[in-house]
């Protein structure tokens, strides 16, 4: 999905995404939930 911070709405034009061997994910709360934490091979704060 794509998000517009100026309007606080999700845009209609979702984009195709293909992961690579390493996926570097950044976010405020990626370690907040147990089911999220278990997905990550490396967790950086």
ModelCIF file with pLDDT and N, C-alpha, C, O atoms, coordinates in Angstrom:
data_MODEL
#
_entry.id   MODEL 
#
_entity.id                         1 
_entity.type                       polymer 
_entity.pdbx_number_of_molecules   1 
#
_entity_poly.entity_id                      1 
_entity_poly.type                           'polypeptide(L)' 
_entity_poly.nstd_linkage                   no 
_entity_poly.nstd_monomer                   no 
_entity_poly.pdbx_seq_one_letter_code       
;(UNK)(UNK)(UNK)(UNK)(UNK)(UNK)(UNK)(UNK)(UNK)(UNK)(UNK)(UNK)(UNK)(UNK)(UNK)(UNK)
(UNK)(UNK)(UNK)(UNK)(UNK)(UNK)(UNK)(UNK)(UNK)(UNK)(UNK)(UNK)(UNK)(UNK)(UNK)(UNK)
(UNK)(UNK)(UNK)(UNK)(UNK)(UNK)(UNK)(UNK)(UNK)(UNK)(UNK)(UNK)(UNK)
;
_entity_poly.pdbx_seq_one_letter_code_can   XXXXXXXXXXXXXXXXXXXXXXXXXXXXXXXXXXXXXXXXXXXXX 
_entity_poly.pdbx_strand_id                 A 
#
loop_
_entity_poly_seq.entity_id 
_entity_poly_seq.num 
_entity_poly_seq.mon_id 
_entity_poly_seq.hetero 
1 1  UNK n 
1 2  UNK n 
1 3  UNK n 
1 4  UNK n 
1 5  UNK n 
1 6  UNK n 
1 7  UNK n 
1 8  UNK n 
1 9  UNK n 
1 10 UNK n 
1 11 UNK n 
1 12 UNK n 
1 13 UNK n 
1 14 UNK n 
1 15 UNK n 
1 16 UNK n 
1 17 UNK n 
1 18 UNK n 
1 19 UNK n 
1 20 UNK n 
1 21 UNK n 
1 22 UNK n 
1 23 UNK n 
1 24 UNK n 
1 25 UNK n 
1 26 UNK n 
1 27 UNK n 
1 28 UNK n 
1 29 UNK n 
1 30 UNK n 
1 31 UNK n 
1 32 UNK n 
1 33 UNK n 
1 34 UNK n 
1 35 UNK n 
1 36 UNK n 
1 37 UNK n 
1 38 UNK n 
1 39 UNK n 
1 40 UNK n 
1 41 UNK n 
1 42 UNK n 
1 43 UNK n 
1 44 UNK n 
1 45 UNK n 
#
_struct_asym.id          A 
_struct_asym.entity_id   1 
#
loop_
_ma_qa_metric.id 
_ma_qa_metric.mode 
_ma_qa_metric.name 
_ma_qa_metric.software_group_id 
_ma_qa_metric.type 
1 global pLDDT . pLDDT 
2 local  pLDDT . pLDDT 
#
_ma_qa_metric_global.metric_id      1 
_ma_qa_metric_global.metric_value   94.02 
_ma_qa_metric_global.model_id       1 
_ma_qa_metric_global.ordinal_id     1 
#
loop_
_ma_qa_metric_local.label_asym_id 
_ma_qa_metric_local.label_comp_id 
_ma_qa_metric_local.label_seq_id 
_ma_qa_metric_local.metric_id 
_ma_qa_metric_local.metric_value 
_ma_qa_metric_local.model_id 
_ma_qa_metric_local.ordinal_id 
A UNK 1  2 95.00 1 1  
A UNK 2  2 93.00 1 2  
A UNK 3  2 93.00 1 3  
A UNK 4  2 90.00 1 4  
A UNK 5  2 84.00 1 5  
A UNK 6  2 82.00 1 6  
A UNK 7  2 89.00 1 7  
A UNK 8  2 88.00 1 8  
A UNK 9  2 90.00 1 9  
A UNK 10 2 91.00 1 10 
A UNK 11 2 92.00 1 11 
A UNK 12 2 89.00 1 12 
A UNK 13 2 89.00 1 13 
A UNK 14 2 90.00 1 14 
A UNK 15 2 94.00 1 15 
A UNK 16 2 95.00 1 16 
A UNK 17 2 96.00 1 17 
A UNK 18 2 95.00 1 18 
A UNK 19 2 96.00 1 19 
A UNK 20 2 95.00 1 20 
A UNK 21 2 93.00 1 21 
A UNK 22 2 95.00 1 22 
A UNK 23 2 97.00 1 23 
A UNK 24 2 98.00 1 24 
A UNK 25 2 98.00 1 25 
A UNK 26 2 98.00 1 26 
A UNK 27 2 97.00 1 27 
A UNK 28 2 96.00 1 28 
A UNK 29 2 97.00 1 29 
A UNK 30 2 97.00 1 30 
A UNK 31 2 97.00 1 31 
A UNK 32 2 95.00 1 32 
A UNK 33 2 92.00 1 33 
A UNK 34 2 94.00 1 34 
A UNK 35 2 93.00 1 35 
A UNK 36 2 93.00 1 36 
A UNK 37 2 95.00 1 37 
A UNK 38 2 96.00 1 38 
A UNK 39 2 97.00 1 39 
A UNK 40 2 98.00 1 40 
A UNK 41 2 97.00 1 41 
A UNK 42 2 98.00 1 42 
A UNK 43 2 98.00 1 43 
A UNK 44 2 98.00 1 44 
A UNK 45 2 98.00 1 45 
#
loop_
_atom_site.group_PDB 
_atom_site.id 
_atom_site.type_symbol 
_atom_site.label_atom_id 
_atom_site.label_alt_id 
_atom_site.label_comp_id 
_atom_site.label_asym_id 
_atom_site.label_entity_id 
_atom_site.label_seq_id 
_atom_site.pdbx_PDB_ins_code 
_atom_site.Cartn_x 
_atom_site.Cartn_y 
_atom_site.Cartn_z 
_atom_site.occupancy 
_atom_site.B_iso_or_equiv 
_atom_site.pdbx_formal_charge 
_atom_site.auth_seq_id 
_atom_site.auth_comp_id 
_atom_site.auth_asym_id 
_atom_site.auth_atom_id 
_atom_site.pdbx_PDB_model_num 
ATOM 1   N N  . UNK A 1 1  ? 0.842  -1.201  0.000  1.00 95.00 ? 1  UNK A N  1 
ATOM 2   C CA . UNK A 1 1  ? 0.000  0.000   0.000  1.00 95.00 ? 1  UNK A CA 1 
ATOM 3   C C  . UNK A 1 1  ? 0.873  1.246   0.000  1.00 95.00 ? 1  UNK A C  1 
ATOM 4   O O  . UNK A 1 1  ? 2.062  1.182   0.313  1.00 95.00 ? 1  UNK A O  1 
ATOM 5   N N  . UNK A 1 2  ? 0.282  2.370   -0.349 1.00 93.00 ? 2  UNK A N  1 
ATOM 6   C CA . UNK A 1 2  ? 0.998  3.650   -0.297 1.00 93.00 ? 2  UNK A CA 1 
ATOM 7   C C  . UNK A 1 2  ? 0.160  4.623   0.516  1.00 93.00 ? 2  UNK A C  1 
ATOM 8   O O  . UNK A 1 2  ? -1.066 4.644   0.407  1.00 93.00 ? 2  UNK A O  1 
ATOM 9   N N  . UNK A 1 3  ? 0.829  5.430   1.333  1.00 93.00 ? 3  UNK A N  1 
ATOM 10  C CA . UNK A 1 3  ? 0.140  6.296   2.287  1.00 93.00 ? 3  UNK A CA 1 
ATOM 11  C C  . UNK A 1 3  ? 0.541  7.739   2.050  1.00 93.00 ? 3  UNK A C  1 
ATOM 12  O O  . UNK A 1 3  ? 1.710  8.041   1.810  1.00 93.00 ? 3  UNK A O  1 
ATOM 13  N N  . UNK A 1 4  ? -0.451 8.637   2.120  1.00 90.00 ? 4  UNK A N  1 
ATOM 14  C CA . UNK A 1 4  ? -0.228 10.068  1.941  1.00 90.00 ? 4  UNK A CA 1 
ATOM 15  C C  . UNK A 1 4  ? -0.284 10.740  3.311  1.00 90.00 ? 4  UNK A C  1 
ATOM 16  O O  . UNK A 1 4  ? -1.355 10.841  3.911  1.00 90.00 ? 4  UNK A O  1 
ATOM 17  N N  . UNK A 1 5  ? 0.853  11.195  3.803  1.00 84.00 ? 5  UNK A N  1 
ATOM 18  C CA . UNK A 1 5  ? 0.896  11.793  5.137  1.00 84.00 ? 5  UNK A CA 1 
ATOM 19  C C  . UNK A 1 5  ? 0.213  13.150  5.194  1.00 84.00 ? 5  UNK A C  1 
ATOM 20  O O  . UNK A 1 5  ? -0.209 13.578  6.268  1.00 84.00 ? 5  UNK A O  1 
ATOM 21  N N  . UNK A 1 6  ? 0.096  13.830  4.072  1.00 82.00 ? 6  UNK A N  1 
ATOM 22  C CA . UNK A 1 6  ? -0.556 15.137  4.067  1.00 82.00 ? 6  UNK A CA 1 
ATOM 23  C C  . UNK A 1 6  ? -2.055 15.013  4.280  1.00 82.00 ? 6  UNK A C  1 
ATOM 24  O O  . UNK A 1 6  ? -2.669 15.883  4.897  1.00 82.00 ? 6  UNK A O  1 
ATOM 25  N N  . UNK A 1 7  ? -2.658 13.923  3.767  1.00 89.00 ? 7  UNK A N  1 
ATOM 26  C CA . UNK A 1 7  ? -4.108 13.741  3.882  1.00 89.00 ? 7  UNK A CA 1 
ATOM 27  C C  . UNK A 1 7  ? -4.495 12.663  4.888  1.00 89.00 ? 7  UNK A C  1 
ATOM 28  O O  . UNK A 1 7  ? -5.666 12.547  5.249  1.00 89.00 ? 7  UNK A O  1 
ATOM 29  N N  . UNK A 1 8  ? -3.529 11.876  5.342  1.00 88.00 ? 8  UNK A N  1 
ATOM 30  C CA . UNK A 1 8  ? -3.763 10.740  6.237  1.00 88.00 ? 8  UNK A CA 1 
ATOM 31  C C  . UNK A 1 8  ? -4.646 9.683   5.577  1.00 88.00 ? 8  UNK A C  1 
ATOM 32  O O  . UNK A 1 8  ? -5.457 9.036   6.240  1.00 88.00 ? 8  UNK A O  1 
ATOM 33  N N  . UNK A 1 9  ? -4.483 9.519   4.285  1.00 90.00 ? 9  UNK A N  1 
ATOM 34  C CA . UNK A 1 9  ? -5.273 8.544   3.534  1.00 90.00 ? 9  UNK A CA 1 
ATOM 35  C C  . UNK A 1 9  ? -4.361 7.606   2.750  1.00 90.00 ? 9  UNK A C  1 
ATOM 36  O O  . UNK A 1 9  ? -3.259 7.976   2.345  1.00 90.00 ? 9  UNK A O  1 
ATOM 37  N N  . UNK A 1 10 ? -4.841 6.398   2.549  1.00 91.00 ? 10 UNK A N  1 
ATOM 38  C CA . UNK A 1 10 ? -4.117 5.449   1.718  1.00 91.00 ? 10 UNK A CA 1 
ATOM 39  C C  . UNK A 1 10 ? -4.402 5.753   0.250  1.00 91.00 ? 10 UNK A C  1 
ATOM 40  O O  . UNK A 1 10 ? -5.548 5.974   -0.141 1.00 91.00 ? 10 UNK A O  1 
ATOM 41  N N  . UNK A 1 11 ? -3.359 5.761   -0.539 1.00 92.00 ? 11 UNK A N  1 
ATOM 42  C CA . UNK A 1 11 ? -3.500 6.028   -1.960 1.00 92.00 ? 11 UNK A CA 1 
ATOM 43  C C  . UNK A 1 11 ? -4.021 4.790   -2.680 1.00 92.00 ? 11 UNK A C  1 
ATOM 44  O O  . UNK A 1 11 ? -3.878 3.667   -2.196 1.00 92.00 ? 11 UNK A O  1 
ATOM 45  N N  . UNK A 1 12 ? -4.623 5.013   -3.834 1.00 89.00 ? 12 UNK A N  1 
ATOM 46  C CA . UNK A 1 12 ? -5.217 3.908   -4.588 1.00 89.00 ? 12 UNK A CA 1 
ATOM 47  C C  . UNK A 1 12 ? -4.182 3.083   -5.337 1.00 89.00 ? 12 UNK A C  1 
ATOM 48  O O  . UNK A 1 12 ? -4.442 1.935   -5.695 1.00 89.00 ? 12 UNK A O  1 
ATOM 49  N N  . UNK A 1 13 ? -3.008 3.663   -5.575 1.00 89.00 ? 13 UNK A N  1 
ATOM 50  C CA . UNK A 1 13 ? -2.026 3.007   -6.446 1.00 89.00 ? 13 UNK A CA 1 
ATOM 51  C C  . UNK A 1 13 ? -1.027 2.167   -5.643 1.00 89.00 ? 13 UNK A C  1 
ATOM 52  O O  . UNK A 1 13 ? 0.105  2.591   -5.411 1.00 89.00 ? 13 UNK A O  1 
ATOM 53  N N  . UNK A 1 14 ? -1.457 0.974   -5.223 1.00 90.00 ? 14 UNK A N  1 
ATOM 54  C CA . UNK A 1 14 ? -0.535 0.032   -4.592 1.00 90.00 ? 14 UNK A CA 1 
ATOM 55  C C  . UNK A 1 14 ? 0.551  -0.349  -5.593 1.00 90.00 ? 14 UNK A C  1 
ATOM 56  O O  . UNK A 1 14 ? 0.340  -0.289  -6.804 1.00 90.00 ? 14 UNK A O  1 
ATOM 57  N N  . UNK A 1 15 ? 1.705  -0.740  -5.080 1.00 94.00 ? 15 UNK A N  1 
ATOM 58  C CA . UNK A 1 15 ? 2.822  -1.054  -5.968 1.00 94.00 ? 15 UNK A CA 1 
ATOM 59  C C  . UNK A 1 15 ? 3.266  -2.502  -5.753 1.00 94.00 ? 15 UNK A C  1 
ATOM 60  O O  . UNK A 1 15 ? 3.179  -3.038  -4.649 1.00 94.00 ? 15 UNK A O  1 
ATOM 61  N N  . UNK A 1 16 ? 3.739  -3.113  -6.823 1.00 95.00 ? 16 UNK A N  1 
ATOM 62  C CA . UNK A 1 16 ? 4.264  -4.473  -6.734 1.00 95.00 ? 16 UNK A CA 1 
ATOM 63  C C  . UNK A 1 16 ? 5.591  -4.456  -5.985 1.00 95.00 ? 16 UNK A C  1 
ATOM 64  O O  . UNK A 1 16 ? 6.382  -3.523  -6.124 1.00 95.00 ? 16 UNK A O  1 
ATOM 65  N N  . UNK A 1 17 ? 5.825  -5.494  -5.191 1.00 96.00 ? 17 UNK A N  1 
ATOM 66  C CA . UNK A 1 17 ? 7.054  -5.568  -4.403 1.00 96.00 ? 17 UNK A CA 1 
ATOM 67  C C  . UNK A 1 17 ? 7.585  -6.985  -4.391 1.00 96.00 ? 17 UNK A C  1 
ATOM 68  O O  . UNK A 1 17 ? 6.850  -7.937  -4.132 1.00 96.00 ? 17 UNK A O  1 
ATOM 69  N N  . UNK A 1 18 ? 8.883  -7.115  -4.679 1.00 95.00 ? 18 UNK A N  1 
ATOM 70  C CA . UNK A 1 18 ? 9.562  -8.409  -4.648 1.00 95.00 ? 18 UNK A CA 1 
ATOM 71  C C  . UNK A 1 18 ? 10.709 -8.337  -3.644 1.00 95.00 ? 18 UNK A C  1 
ATOM 72  O O  . UNK A 1 18 ? 11.616 -7.523  -3.818 1.00 95.00 ? 18 UNK A O  1 
ATOM 73  N N  . UNK A 1 19 ? 10.696 -9.161  -2.601 1.00 96.00 ? 19 UNK A N  1 
ATOM 74  C CA . UNK A 1 19 ? 11.780 -9.116  -1.618 1.00 96.00 ? 19 UNK A CA 1 
ATOM 75  C C  . UNK A 1 19 ? 13.093 -9.618  -2.204 1.00 96.00 ? 19 UNK A C  1 
ATOM 76  O O  . UNK A 1 19 ? 13.116 -10.379 -3.171 1.00 96.00 ? 19 UNK A O  1 
ATOM 77  N N  . UNK A 1 20 ? 14.186 -9.171  -1.589 1.00 95.00 ? 20 UNK A N  1 
ATOM 78  C CA . UNK A 1 20 ? 15.525 -9.648  -1.912 1.00 95.00 ? 20 UNK A CA 1 
ATOM 79  C C  . UNK A 1 20 ? 16.016 -10.509 -0.748 1.00 95.00 ? 20 UNK A C  1 
ATOM 80  O O  . UNK A 1 20 ? 15.298 -10.653 0.242  1.00 95.00 ? 20 UNK A O  1 
ATOM 81  N N  . UNK A 1 21 ? 17.219 -11.086 -0.838 1.00 93.00 ? 21 UNK A N  1 
ATOM 82  C CA . UNK A 1 21 ? 17.665 -11.978 0.238  1.00 93.00 ? 21 UNK A CA 1 
ATOM 83  C C  . UNK A 1 21 ? 17.565 -11.377 1.638  1.00 93.00 ? 21 UNK A C  1 
ATOM 84  O O  . UNK A 1 21 ? 17.165 -12.063 2.579  1.00 93.00 ? 21 UNK A O  1 
ATOM 85  N N  . UNK A 1 22 ? 17.928 -10.097 1.784  1.00 95.00 ? 22 UNK A N  1 
ATOM 86  C CA . UNK A 1 22 ? 17.735 -9.379  3.043  1.00 95.00 ? 22 UNK A CA 1 
ATOM 87  C C  . UNK A 1 22 ? 16.711 -8.277  2.828  1.00 95.00 ? 22 UNK A C  1 
ATOM 88  O O  . UNK A 1 22 ? 16.796 -7.516  1.865  1.00 95.00 ? 22 UNK A O  1 
ATOM 89  N N  . UNK A 1 23 ? 15.750 -8.198  3.726  1.00 97.00 ? 23 UNK A N  1 
ATOM 90  C CA . UNK A 1 23 ? 14.756 -7.129  3.701  1.00 97.00 ? 23 UNK A CA 1 
ATOM 91  C C  . UNK A 1 23 ? 14.982 -6.277  4.941  1.00 97.00 ? 23 UNK A C  1 
ATOM 92  O O  . UNK A 1 23 ? 14.757 -6.731  6.063  1.00 97.00 ? 23 UNK A O  1 
ATOM 93  N N  . UNK A 1 24 ? 15.427 -5.041  4.738  1.00 98.00 ? 24 UNK A N  1 
ATOM 94  C CA . UNK A 1 24 ? 15.672 -4.119  5.848  1.00 98.00 ? 24 UNK A CA 1 
ATOM 95  C C  . UNK A 1 24 ? 14.387 -3.336  6.087  1.00 98.00 ? 24 UNK A C  1 
ATOM 96  O O  . UNK A 1 24 ? 13.972 -2.540  5.244  1.00 98.00 ? 24 UNK A O  1 
ATOM 97  N N  . UNK A 1 25 ? 13.767 -3.561  7.226  1.00 98.00 ? 25 UNK A N  1 
ATOM 98  C CA . UNK A 1 25 ? 12.469 -2.968  7.546  1.00 98.00 ? 25 UNK A CA 1 
ATOM 99  C C  . UNK A 1 25 ? 12.666 -1.928  8.644  1.00 98.00 ? 25 UNK A C  1 
ATOM 100 O O  . UNK A 1 25 ? 13.253 -2.227  9.685  1.00 98.00 ? 25 UNK A O  1 
ATOM 101 N N  . UNK A 1 26 ? 12.174 -0.698  8.416  1.00 98.00 ? 26 UNK A N  1 
ATOM 102 C CA . UNK A 1 26 ? 12.267 0.296   9.484  1.00 98.00 ? 26 UNK A CA 1 
ATOM 103 C C  . UNK A 1 26 ? 10.884 0.708   9.942  1.00 98.00 ? 26 UNK A C  1 
ATOM 104 O O  . UNK A 1 26 ? 9.947  0.785   9.147  1.00 98.00 ? 26 UNK A O  1 
ATOM 105 N N  . UNK A 1 27 ? 10.766 0.973   11.246 1.00 97.00 ? 27 UNK A N  1 
ATOM 106 C CA . UNK A 1 27 ? 9.468  1.373   11.774 1.00 97.00 ? 27 UNK A CA 1 
ATOM 107 C C  . UNK A 1 27 ? 9.525  1.632   13.274 1.00 97.00 ? 27 UNK A C  1 
ATOM 108 O O  . UNK A 1 27 ? 10.456 1.215   13.962 1.00 97.00 ? 27 UNK A O  1 
ATOM 109 N N  . UNK A 1 28 ? 8.519  2.322   13.754 1.00 96.00 ? 28 UNK A N  1 
ATOM 110 C CA . UNK A 1 28 ? 8.464  2.694   15.169 1.00 96.00 ? 28 UNK A CA 1 
ATOM 111 C C  . UNK A 1 28 ? 8.193  1.514   16.095 1.00 96.00 ? 28 UNK A C  1 
ATOM 112 O O  . UNK A 1 28 ? 8.714  1.474   17.209 1.00 96.00 ? 28 UNK A O  1 
ATOM 113 N N  . UNK A 1 29 ? 7.376  0.543   15.645 1.00 97.00 ? 29 UNK A N  1 
ATOM 114 C CA . UNK A 1 29 ? 6.860  -0.458  16.583 1.00 97.00 ? 29 UNK A CA 1 
ATOM 115 C C  . UNK A 1 29 ? 7.073  -1.892  16.093 1.00 97.00 ? 29 UNK A C  1 
ATOM 116 O O  . UNK A 1 29 ? 6.254  -2.762  16.387 1.00 97.00 ? 29 UNK A O  1 
ATOM 117 N N  . UNK A 1 30 ? 8.128  -2.152  15.370 1.00 97.00 ? 30 UNK A N  1 
ATOM 118 C CA . UNK A 1 30 ? 8.337  -3.482  14.809 1.00 97.00 ? 30 UNK A CA 1 
ATOM 119 C C  . UNK A 1 30 ? 8.596  -4.545  15.870 1.00 97.00 ? 30 UNK A C  1 
ATOM 120 O O  . UNK A 1 30 ? 8.432  -5.735  15.599 1.00 97.00 ? 30 UNK A O  1 
ATOM 121 N N  . UNK A 1 31 ? 8.997  -4.138  17.069 1.00 97.00 ? 31 UNK A N  1 
ATOM 122 C CA . UNK A 1 31 ? 9.269  -5.100  18.139 1.00 97.00 ? 31 UNK A CA 1 
ATOM 123 C C  . UNK A 1 31 ? 8.202  -5.058  19.225 1.00 97.00 ? 31 UNK A C  1 
ATOM 124 O O  . UNK A 1 31 ? 8.381  -5.634  20.298 1.00 97.00 ? 31 UNK A O  1 
ATOM 125 N N  . UNK A 1 32 ? 7.112  -4.388  18.954 1.00 95.00 ? 32 UNK A N  1 
ATOM 126 C CA . UNK A 1 32 ? 6.072  -4.194  19.975 1.00 95.00 ? 32 UNK A CA 1 
ATOM 127 C C  . UNK A 1 32 ? 5.253  -5.460  20.195 1.00 95.00 ? 32 UNK A C  1 
ATOM 128 O O  . UNK A 1 32 ? 4.800  -5.723  21.309 1.00 95.00 ? 32 UNK A O  1 
ATOM 129 N N  . UNK A 1 33 ? 5.062  -6.241  19.139 1.00 92.00 ? 33 UNK A N  1 
ATOM 130 C CA . UNK A 1 33 ? 4.195  -7.412  19.215 1.00 92.00 ? 33 UNK A CA 1 
ATOM 131 C C  . UNK A 1 33 ? 5.024  -8.690  19.050 1.00 92.00 ? 33 UNK A C  1 
ATOM 132 O O  . UNK A 1 33 ? 5.911  -8.737  18.198 1.00 92.00 ? 33 UNK A O  1 
ATOM 133 N N  . UNK A 1 34 ? 4.749  -9.724  19.850 1.00 94.00 ? 34 UNK A N  1 
ATOM 134 C CA . UNK A 1 34 ? 5.533  -10.967 19.755 1.00 94.00 ? 34 UNK A CA 1 
ATOM 135 C C  . UNK A 1 34 ? 5.516  -11.587 18.365 1.00 94.00 ? 34 UNK A C  1 
ATOM 136 O O  . UNK A 1 34 ? 6.544  -12.078 17.900 1.00 94.00 ? 34 UNK A O  1 
ATOM 137 N N  . UNK A 1 35 ? 4.365  -11.574 17.691 1.00 93.00 ? 35 UNK A N  1 
ATOM 138 C CA . UNK A 1 35 ? 4.291  -12.194 16.369 1.00 93.00 ? 35 UNK A CA 1 
ATOM 139 C C  . UNK A 1 35 ? 5.116  -11.447 15.330 1.00 93.00 ? 35 UNK A C  1 
ATOM 140 O O  . UNK A 1 35 ? 5.491  -12.016 14.305 1.00 93.00 ? 35 UNK A O  1 
ATOM 141 N N  . UNK A 1 36 ? 5.398  -10.172 15.594 1.00 93.00 ? 36 UNK A N  1 
ATOM 142 C CA . UNK A 1 36 ? 6.302  -9.419  14.738 1.00 93.00 ? 36 UNK A CA 1 
ATOM 143 C C  . UNK A 1 36 ? 7.752  -9.753  15.056 1.00 93.00 ? 36 UNK A C  1 
ATOM 144 O O  . UNK A 1 36 ? 8.546  -10.015 14.153 1.00 93.00 ? 36 UNK A O  1 
ATOM 145 N N  . UNK A 1 37 ? 8.093  -9.743  16.327 1.00 95.00 ? 37 UNK A N  1 
ATOM 146 C CA . UNK A 1 37 ? 9.485  -9.981  16.722 1.00 95.00 ? 37 UNK A CA 1 
ATOM 147 C C  . UNK A 1 37 ? 10.012 -11.292 16.164 1.00 95.00 ? 37 UNK A C  1 
ATOM 148 O O  . UNK A 1 37 ? 11.172 -11.375 15.758 1.00 95.00 ? 37 UNK A O  1 
ATOM 149 N N  . UNK A 1 38 ? 9.176  -12.307 16.143 1.00 96.00 ? 38 UNK A N  1 
ATOM 150 C CA . UNK A 1 38 ? 9.655  -13.624 15.720 1.00 96.00 ? 38 UNK A CA 1 
ATOM 151 C C  . UNK A 1 38 ? 9.949  -13.694 14.224 1.00 96.00 ? 38 UNK A C  1 
ATOM 152 O O  . UNK A 1 38 ? 10.562 -14.658 13.764 1.00 96.00 ? 38 UNK A O  1 
ATOM 153 N N  . UNK A 1 39 ? 9.526  -12.693 13.461 1.00 97.00 ? 39 UNK A N  1 
ATOM 154 C CA . UNK A 1 39 ? 9.780  -12.683 12.024 1.00 97.00 ? 39 UNK A CA 1 
ATOM 155 C C  . UNK A 1 39 ? 11.189 -12.211 11.681 1.00 97.00 ? 39 UNK A C  1 
ATOM 156 O O  . UNK A 1 39 ? 11.676 -12.472 10.580 1.00 97.00 ? 39 UNK A O  1 
ATOM 157 N N  . UNK A 1 40 ? 11.852 -11.517 12.614 1.00 98.00 ? 40 UNK A N  1 
ATOM 158 C CA . UNK A 1 40 ? 13.109 -10.848 12.289 1.00 98.00 ? 40 UNK A CA 1 
ATOM 159 C C  . UNK A 1 40 ? 14.318 -11.668 12.716 1.00 98.00 ? 40 UNK A C  1 
ATOM 160 O O  . UNK A 1 40 ? 14.412 -12.127 13.854 1.00 98.00 ? 40 UNK A O  1 
ATOM 161 N N  . UNK A 1 41 ? 15.248 -11.840 11.766 1.00 97.00 ? 41 UNK A N  1 
ATOM 162 C CA . UNK A 1 41 ? 16.500 -12.532 12.051 1.00 97.00 ? 41 UNK A CA 1 
ATOM 163 C C  . UNK A 1 41 ? 17.471 -11.645 12.819 1.00 97.00 ? 41 UNK A C  1 
ATOM 164 O O  . UNK A 1 41 ? 18.339 -12.143 13.537 1.00 97.00 ? 41 UNK A O  1 
ATOM 165 N N  . UNK A 1 42 ? 17.326 -10.335 12.668 1.00 98.00 ? 42 UNK A N  1 
ATOM 166 C CA . UNK A 1 42 ? 18.162 -9.371  13.382 1.00 98.00 ? 42 UNK A CA 1 
ATOM 167 C C  . UNK A 1 42 ? 17.306 -8.175  13.748 1.00 98.00 ? 42 UNK A C  1 
ATOM 168 O O  . UNK A 1 42 ? 16.591 -7.627  12.909 1.00 98.00 ? 42 UNK A O  1 
ATOM 169 N N  . UNK A 1 43 ? 17.386 -7.772  15.022 1.00 98.00 ? 43 UNK A N  1 
ATOM 170 C CA . UNK A 1 43 ? 16.570 -6.676  15.528 1.00 98.00 ? 43 UNK A CA 1 
ATOM 171 C C  . UNK A 1 43 ? 17.493 -5.581  16.058 1.00 98.00 ? 43 UNK A C  1 
ATOM 172 O O  . UNK A 1 43 ? 18.228 -5.783  17.026 1.00 98.00 ? 43 UNK A O  1 
ATOM 173 N N  . UNK A 1 44 ? 17.442 -4.421  15.406 1.00 98.00 ? 44 UNK A N  1 
ATOM 174 C CA . UNK A 1 44 ? 18.315 -3.290  15.739 1.00 98.00 ? 44 UNK A CA 1 
ATOM 175 C C  . UNK A 1 44 ? 17.469 -2.184  16.350 1.00 98.00 ? 44 UNK A C  1 
ATOM 176 O O  . UNK A 1 44 ? 16.424 -1.822  15.811 1.00 98.00 ? 44 UNK A O  1 
ATOM 177 N N  . UNK A 1 45 ? 17.926 -1.649  17.477 1.00 98.00 ? 45 UNK A N  1 
ATOM 178 C CA . UNK A 1 45 ? 17.282 -0.467  18.051 1.00 98.00 ? 45 UNK A CA 1 
ATOM 179 C C  . UNK A 1 45 ? 18.233 0.714   17.881 1.00 98.00 ? 45 UNK A C  1 
ATOM 180 O O  . UNK A 1 45 ? 17.911 1.830   18.289 1.00 98.00 ? 45 UNK A O  1 
#
